[in-house]
Amino acid sequence: MSQELELILNGYRLEFAAITQEMKHLRADLVKEKKADTLPEWIDLRRAAELKGGPAYETYRTKSFLQPCCGRNSKLIGGRKCWKREEIIQWLGVTDSGLLEYAGTYKVSIPENYARRSK
């Protein structure tokens, strides 16, 4: 096989790999959208904690930096602290390793023991 033909085939392989990767991302986005459609417009802390898992509800309740938007951007709905669906979806993916960066977007400081986990 000539070098020119080999280069062309490698180019096609790279393009195919890029298209495959993009399709995976599009599928993942579609799954997220479908899940988002099942969530209400406003979500209270108890429901958010159930969706995320991990710590008990009381931990989320007493440590605002662990809450969606680090406790910020909430609105009272029926006397309960609630956040928009989109904010909850973003928060669901935050782990301790990403907490420092996430808190920084809301200009919230977090305790040193949690900050160490983010490094």
C-alpha atoms as a PDB file:
ATOM      1  CA  MET A   1       0.000   0.000   0.000  1.00  0.00           C
ATOM      2  CA  SER A   2       1.372   3.409  -0.900  1.00  0.00           C
ATOM      3  CA  GLN A   3       2.189   5.983   1.751  1.00  0.00           C
ATOM      4  CA  GLU A   4      -0.330   8.378   0.246  1.00  0.00           C
ATOM      5  CA  LEU A   5      -3.130   5.821   0.511  1.00  0.00           C
ATOM      6  CA  GLU A   6      -2.051   4.967   4.078  1.00  0.00           C
ATOM      7  CA  LEU A   7      -2.239   8.662   5.043  1.00  0.00           C
ATOM      8  CA  ILE A   8      -5.710   8.962   3.549  1.00  0.00           C
ATOM      9  CA  LEU A   9      -6.898   5.868   5.444  1.00  0.00           C
ATOM     10  CA  ASN A  10      -5.431   7.173   8.716  1.00  0.00           C
ATOM     11  CA  GLY A  11      -7.240  10.454   8.140  1.00  0.00           C
ATOM     12  CA  TYR A  12     -10.509   8.585   7.697  1.00  0.00           C
ATOM     13  CA  ARG A  13      -9.854   6.547  10.835  1.00  0.00           C
ATOM     14  CA  LEU A  14      -9.284   9.724  12.845  1.00  0.00           C
ATOM     15  CA  GLU A  15     -12.440  11.308  11.461  1.00  0.00           C
ATOM     16  CA  PHE A  16     -14.414   8.173  12.246  1.00  0.00           C
ATOM     17  CA  ALA A  17     -13.071   8.126  15.821  1.00  0.00           C
ATOM     18  CA  ALA A  18     -14.011  11.795  16.264  1.00  0.00           C
ATOM     19  CA  ILE A  19     -17.523  11.181  14.919  1.00  0.00           C
ATOM     20  CA  THR A  20     -17.931   8.161  17.215  1.00  0.00           C
ATOM     21  CA  GLN A  21     -16.841  10.215  20.221  1.00  0.00           C
ATOM     22  CA  GLU A  22     -19.259  13.009  19.316  1.00  0.00           C
ATOM     23  CA  MET A  23     -22.104  10.508  19.011  1.00  0.00           C
ATOM     24  CA  LYS A  24     -21.327   9.214  22.522  1.00  0.00           C
ATOM     25  CA  HIS A  25     -21.507  12.769  23.881  1.00  0.00           C
ATOM     26  CA  LEU A  26     -24.770  13.433  22.060  1.00  0.00           C
ATOM     27  CA  ARG A  27     -26.261  10.223  23.484  1.00  0.00           C
ATOM     28  CA  ALA A  28     -25.171  11.185  26.994  1.00  0.00           C
ATOM     29  CA  ASP A  29     -26.698  14.649  26.551  1.00  0.00           C
ATOM     30  CA  LEU A  30     -29.938  13.101  25.334  1.00  0.00           C
ATOM     31  CA  VAL A  31     -30.104  10.821  28.370  1.00  0.00           C
ATOM     32  CA  LYS A  32     -29.561  13.844  30.646  1.00  0.00           C
ATOM     33  CA  GLU A  33     -32.323  15.758  28.864  1.00  0.00           C
ATOM     34  CA  LYS A  34     -34.744  12.854  29.242  1.00  0.00           C
ATOM     35  CA  LYS A  35     -33.948  12.584  32.949  1.00  0.00           C
ATOM     36  CA  ALA A  36     -34.303  16.344  33.323  1.00  0.00           C
ATOM     37  CA  ASP A  37     -37.767  16.207  31.769  1.00  0.00           C
ATOM     38  CA  THR A  38     -38.925  13.964  34.598  1.00  0.00           C
ATOM     39  CA  LEU A  39     -37.846  16.421  37.305  1.00  0.00           C
ATOM     40  CA  PRO A  40     -40.097  19.244  38.505  1.00  0.00           C
ATOM     41  CA  GLU A  41     -39.159  22.858  37.745  1.00  0.00           C
ATOM     42  CA  TRP A  42     -38.301  23.514  41.422  1.00  0.00           C
ATOM     43  CA  ILE A  43     -36.671  20.954  43.716  1.00  0.00           C
ATOM     44  CA  ASP A  44     -36.387  21.188  47.493  1.00  0.00           C
ATOM     45  CA  LEU A  45     -33.353  20.107  49.477  1.00  0.00           C
ATOM     46  CA  ARG A  46     -34.858  16.826  50.648  1.00  0.00           C
ATOM     47  CA  ARG A  47     -35.596  15.708  47.063  1.00  0.00           C
ATOM     48  CA  ALA A  48     -32.215  16.988  45.854  1.00  0.00           C
ATOM     49  CA  ALA A  49     -30.459  14.993  48.589  1.00  0.00           C
ATOM     50  CA  GLU A  50     -32.418  11.875  47.589  1.00  0.00           C
ATOM     51  CA  LEU A  51     -31.411  12.338  43.952  1.00  0.00           C
ATOM     52  CA  LYS A  52     -27.744  12.849  44.743  1.00  0.00           C
ATOM     53  CA  GLY A  53     -27.303  10.254  47.441  1.00  0.00           C
ATOM     54  CA  GLY A  54     -24.182  10.182  49.566  1.00  0.00           C
ATOM     55  CA  PRO A  55     -24.594  12.001  52.874  1.00  0.00           C
ATOM     56  CA  ALA A  56     -27.810  11.935  54.857  1.00  0.00           C
ATOM     57  CA  TYR A  57     -30.333  14.723  54.369  1.00  0.00           C
ATOM     58  CA  GLU A  58     -29.347  16.210  57.747  1.00  0.00           C
ATOM     59  CA  THR A  59     -25.751  16.616  56.546  1.00  0.00           C
ATOM     60  CA  TYR A  60     -26.926  18.558  53.497  1.00  0.00           C
ATOM     61  CA  ARG A  61     -29.318  20.575  55.660  1.00  0.00           C
ATOM     62  CA  THR A  62     -26.681  21.644  58.191  1.00  0.00           C
ATOM     63  CA  LYS A  63     -23.764  22.186  55.765  1.00  0.00           C
ATOM     64  CA  SER A  64     -24.901  24.742  53.235  1.00  0.00           C
ATOM     65  CA  PHE A  65     -21.657  24.475  51.239  1.00  0.00           C
ATOM     66  CA  LEU A  66     -22.732  20.908  50.326  1.00  0.00           C
ATOM     67  CA  GLN A  67     -26.125  22.078  49.063  1.00  0.00           C
ATOM     68  CA  PRO A  68     -26.950  22.953  45.463  1.00  0.00           C
ATOM     69  CA  CYS A  69     -25.229  26.227  44.524  1.00  0.00           C
ATOM     70  CA  CYS A  70     -23.486  25.940  47.928  1.00  0.00           C
ATOM     71  CA  GLY A  71     -26.713  27.116  49.536  1.00  0.00           C
ATOM     72  CA  ARG A  72     -27.045  30.115  47.229  1.00  0.00           C
ATOM     73  CA  ASN A  73     -29.606  30.887  44.498  1.00  0.00           C
ATOM     74  CA  SER A  74     -32.429  29.198  46.384  1.00  0.00           C
ATOM     75  CA  LYS A  75     -35.977  30.510  46.410  1.00  0.00           C
ATOM     76  CA  LEU A  76     -38.686  29.813  48.933  1.00  0.00           C
ATOM     77  CA  ILE A  77     -41.491  27.775  47.444  1.00  0.00           C
ATOM     78  CA  GLY A  78     -44.225  26.972  49.943  1.00  0.00           C
ATOM     79  CA  GLY A  79     -41.823  27.910  52.712  1.00  0.00           C
ATOM     80  CA  ARG A  80     -39.133  25.458  51.566  1.00  0.00           C
ATOM     81  CA  LYS A  81     -35.709  26.227  50.160  1.00  0.00           C
ATOM     82  CA  CYS A  82     -35.785  25.175  46.486  1.00  0.00           C
ATOM     83  CA  TRP A  83     -33.547  25.407  43.423  1.00  0.00           C
ATOM     84  CA  LYS A  84     -34.242  25.323  39.702  1.00  0.00           C
ATOM     85  CA  ARG A  85     -34.002  21.946  38.001  1.00  0.00           C
ATOM     86  CA  GLU A  86     -30.958  22.992  35.921  1.00  0.00           C
ATOM     87  CA  GLU A  87     -29.010  23.954  39.041  1.00  0.00           C
ATOM     88  CA  ILE A  88     -29.802  20.613  40.653  1.00  0.00           C
ATOM     89  CA  ILE A  89     -28.681  18.687  37.575  1.00  0.00           C
ATOM     90  CA  GLN A  90     -25.349  20.520  37.570  1.00  0.00           C
ATOM     91  CA  TRP A  91     -24.901  19.934  41.335  1.00  0.00           C
ATOM     92  CA  LEU A  92     -25.596  16.194  41.046  1.00  0.00           C
ATOM     93  CA  GLY A  93     -22.243  15.687  39.340  1.00  0.00           C
ATOM     94  CA  VAL A  94     -20.199  17.506  41.982  1.00  0.00           C
ATOM     95  CA  THR A  95     -18.049  15.246  44.159  1.00  0.00           C
ATOM     96  CA  ASP A  96     -15.711  16.174  47.005  1.00  0.00           C
ATOM     97  CA  SER A  97     -12.844  16.362  44.513  1.00  0.00           C
ATOM     98  CA  GLY A  98     -14.664  19.091  42.575  1.00  0.00           C
ATOM     99  CA  LEU A  99     -16.238  20.881  45.535  1.00  0.00           C
ATOM    100  CA  LEU A 100     -13.604  23.610  45.876  1.00  0.00           C
ATOM    101  CA  GLU A 101     -13.974  24.649  42.239  1.00  0.00           C
ATOM    102  CA  TYR A 102     -17.781  24.421  42.422  1.00  0.00           C
ATOM    103  CA  ALA A 103     -17.848  26.550  45.593  1.00  0.00           C
ATOM    104  CA  GLY A 104     -15.561  29.072  43.920  1.00  0.00           C
ATOM    105  CA  THR A 105     -18.140  29.690  41.196  1.00  0.00           C
ATOM    106  CA  TYR A 106     -20.539  30.832  43.927  1.00  0.00           C
ATOM    107  CA  LYS A 107     -17.846  32.666  45.901  1.00  0.00           C
ATOM    108  CA  VAL A 108     -18.375  30.391  48.896  1.00  0.00           C
ATOM    109  CA  SER A 109     -15.562  29.214  51.122  1.00  0.00           C
ATOM    110  CA  ILE A 110     -15.536  25.655  52.379  1.00  0.00           C
ATOM    111  CA  PRO A 111     -13.955  24.151  55.504  1.00  0.00           C
ATOM    112  CA  GLU A 112     -10.296  23.148  55.213  1.00  0.00           C
ATOM    113  CA  ASN A 113     -10.993  19.411  55.570  1.00  0.00           C
ATOM    114  CA  TYR A 114     -13.265  19.557  52.508  1.00  0.00           C
ATOM    115  CA  ALA A 115     -10.848  21.819  50.623  1.00  0.00           C
ATOM    116  CA  ARG A 116      -8.081  19.240  51.120  1.00  0.00           C
ATOM    117  CA  ARG A 117     -10.259  16.600  49.486  1.00  0.00           C
ATOM    118  CA  SER A 118     -10.534  18.770  46.388  1.00  0.00           C
ATOM    119  CA  LYS A 119      -6.792  18.852  45.765  1.00  0.00           C
END
